[in-house]
Every structure is written in structure tokens, then in C-alpha cells.
C-alpha atoms as a PDB file:
ATOM      1  CA  MET A   1     -27.269   1.557  -7.448  1.00  0.00           C
ATOM      2  CA  SER A   2     -27.979  -1.386  -9.719  1.00  0.00           C
ATOM      3  CA  VAL A   3     -26.184  -4.727  -9.602  1.00  0.00           C
ATOM      4  CA  ALA A   4     -25.084  -4.436 -13.202  1.00  0.00           C
ATOM      5  CA  LEU A   5     -23.322  -1.145 -12.406  1.00  0.00           C
ATOM      6  CA  LEU A   6     -21.521  -2.706  -9.430  1.00  0.00           C
ATOM      7  CA  ILE A   7     -20.404  -5.725 -11.485  1.00  0.00           C
ATOM      8  CA  THR A   8     -19.145  -3.388 -14.207  1.00  0.00           C
ATOM      9  CA  ALA A   9     -17.181  -1.280 -11.761  1.00  0.00           C
ATOM     10  CA  PHE A  10     -15.700  -4.379 -10.114  1.00  0.00           C
ATOM     11  CA  THR A  11     -14.687  -5.836 -13.460  1.00  0.00           C
ATOM     12  CA  MET A  12     -13.072  -2.583 -14.677  1.00  0.00           C
ATOM     13  CA  GLY A  13     -11.099  -2.326 -11.438  1.00  0.00           C
ATOM     14  CA  LEU A  14      -9.940  -5.901 -11.711  1.00  0.00           C
ATOM     15  CA  PHE A  15      -8.721  -5.443 -15.283  1.00  0.00           C
ATOM     16  CA  SER A  16      -7.063  -2.159 -14.634  1.00  0.00           C
ATOM     17  CA  SER A  17      -5.164  -3.552 -11.682  1.00  0.00           C
ATOM     18  CA  SER A  18      -3.736  -6.287 -13.828  1.00  0.00           C
ATOM     19  CA  HIS A  19      -2.596  -3.638 -16.325  1.00  0.00           C
ATOM     20  CA  CYS A  20      -0.703  -1.798 -13.593  1.00  0.00           C
ATOM     21  CA  LEU A  21       0.806  -5.031 -12.281  1.00  0.00           C
ATOM     22  CA  PHE A  22       2.167  -6.113 -15.678  1.00  0.00           C
ATOM     23  CA  MET A  23       3.147  -2.676 -16.988  1.00  0.00           C
ATOM     24  CA  CYS A  24       4.647  -1.202 -13.837  1.00  0.00           C
ATOM     25  CA  GLY A  25       5.658  -4.200 -11.772  1.00  0.00           C
ATOM     26  CA  GLY A  26       9.092  -4.693 -13.308  1.00  0.00           C
ATOM     27  CA  ILE A  27       9.865  -0.993 -13.038  1.00  0.00           C
ATOM     28  CA  ALA A  28       8.716  -0.818  -9.437  1.00  0.00           C
ATOM     29  CA  SER A  29      10.861  -3.907  -8.543  1.00  0.00           C
ATOM     30  CA  ALA A  30      13.894  -2.348 -10.205  1.00  0.00           C
ATOM     31  CA  PHE A  31      13.488   0.754  -8.014  1.00  0.00           C
ATOM     32  CA  SER A  32      13.578  -1.355  -4.890  1.00  0.00           C
ATOM     33  CA  SER A  33      16.842  -2.971  -5.768  1.00  0.00           C
ATOM     34  CA  PRO A  34      19.177  -2.976  -2.694  1.00  0.00           C
ATOM     35  CA  THR A  35      22.159  -1.958  -4.944  1.00  0.00           C
ATOM     36  CA  ASN A  36      20.593   1.524  -5.620  1.00  0.00           C
ATOM     37  CA  THR A  37      22.097   4.427  -3.746  1.00  0.00           C
ATOM     38  CA  GLN A  38      19.776   7.195  -2.714  1.00  0.00           C
ATOM     39  CA  SER A  39      20.817   9.506  -5.534  1.00  0.00           C
ATOM     40  CA  GLN A  40      20.381   6.704  -8.115  1.00  0.00           C
ATOM     41  CA  LEU A  41      16.951   5.939  -6.801  1.00  0.00           C
ATOM     42  CA  TYR A  42      15.908   9.607  -7.054  1.00  0.00           C
ATOM     43  CA  LEU A  43      17.272   9.925 -10.589  1.00  0.00           C
ATOM     44  CA  LYS A  44      15.475   6.696 -11.678  1.00  0.00           C
ATOM     45  CA  VAL A  45      12.154   7.832 -10.208  1.00  0.00           C
ATOM     46  CA  ILE A  46      12.401  11.313 -11.784  1.00  0.00           C
ATOM     47  CA  LEU A  47      13.314   9.863 -15.210  1.00  0.00           C
ATOM     48  CA  PHE A  48      10.522   7.332 -15.005  1.00  0.00           C
ATOM     49  CA  HIS A  49       7.874   9.897 -14.249  1.00  0.00           C
ATOM     50  CA  LEU A  50       9.251  12.360 -16.817  1.00  0.00           C
ATOM     51  CA  GLY A  51       9.142   9.637 -19.465  1.00  0.00           C
ATOM     52  CA  ARG A  52       5.692   8.583 -18.438  1.00  0.00           C
ATOM     53  CA  LEU A  53       4.292  12.119 -18.517  1.00  0.00           C
ATOM     54  CA  THR A  54       5.958  12.872 -21.869  1.00  0.00           C
ATOM     55  CA  CYS A  55       4.498   9.662 -23.423  1.00  0.00           C
ATOM     56  CA  TYR A  56       1.001  10.308 -22.183  1.00  0.00           C
ATOM     57  CA  SER A  57       1.182  13.926 -23.315  1.00  0.00           C
ATOM     58  CA  ALA A  58       2.282  12.928 -26.724  1.00  0.00           C
ATOM     59  CA  LEU A  59      -0.437  10.326 -27.004  1.00  0.00           C
ATOM     60  CA  GLY A  60      -3.001  12.900 -25.933  1.00  0.00           C
ATOM     61  CA  LEU A  61      -1.708  15.381 -28.505  1.00  0.00           C
ATOM     62  CA  ILE A  62      -1.929  12.742 -31.257  1.00  0.00           C
ATOM     63  CA  ALA A  63      -5.476  11.761 -30.177  1.00  0.00           C
ATOM     64  CA  GLY A  64      -6.432  15.398 -30.034  1.00  0.00           C
ATOM     65  CA  PHE A  65      -5.451  16.093 -33.603  1.00  0.00           C
END
């Protein structure tokens, strides 16, 4: 494995982790709020993932066409 490949993989991992931190950090901290009941937490998690999957599916459909 070449050094250039390792540097590229490390850089991509570094940039993608910052994307996750900034895009999902606020949502993840909202889920961990102590004011959430168990049923509210489940509902928030389900709605979050449903919205995420719908958005990515729509973007994939648009890119496919």
C-alpha cells in the first residue's frame, strides 16, 4: 500500500467525520435531552431516520434521472 493512498484515506476520513459532527451533532444532542420520555425519544429517532432515508432516496432518484 502506497503512502499516497494512506494519506488520501486518512484525509477523507478526517473530512467526513467533521461532516457528521456538524450535520448530526445537534440532532444527536437533542435526542439525549433529559426532558425526553422514552416514547418521545423513540418517536424522534424514528422520524429522524425516516426523514433521512426519504431525503437520500429522493436525491438518489434525482441523480439517477
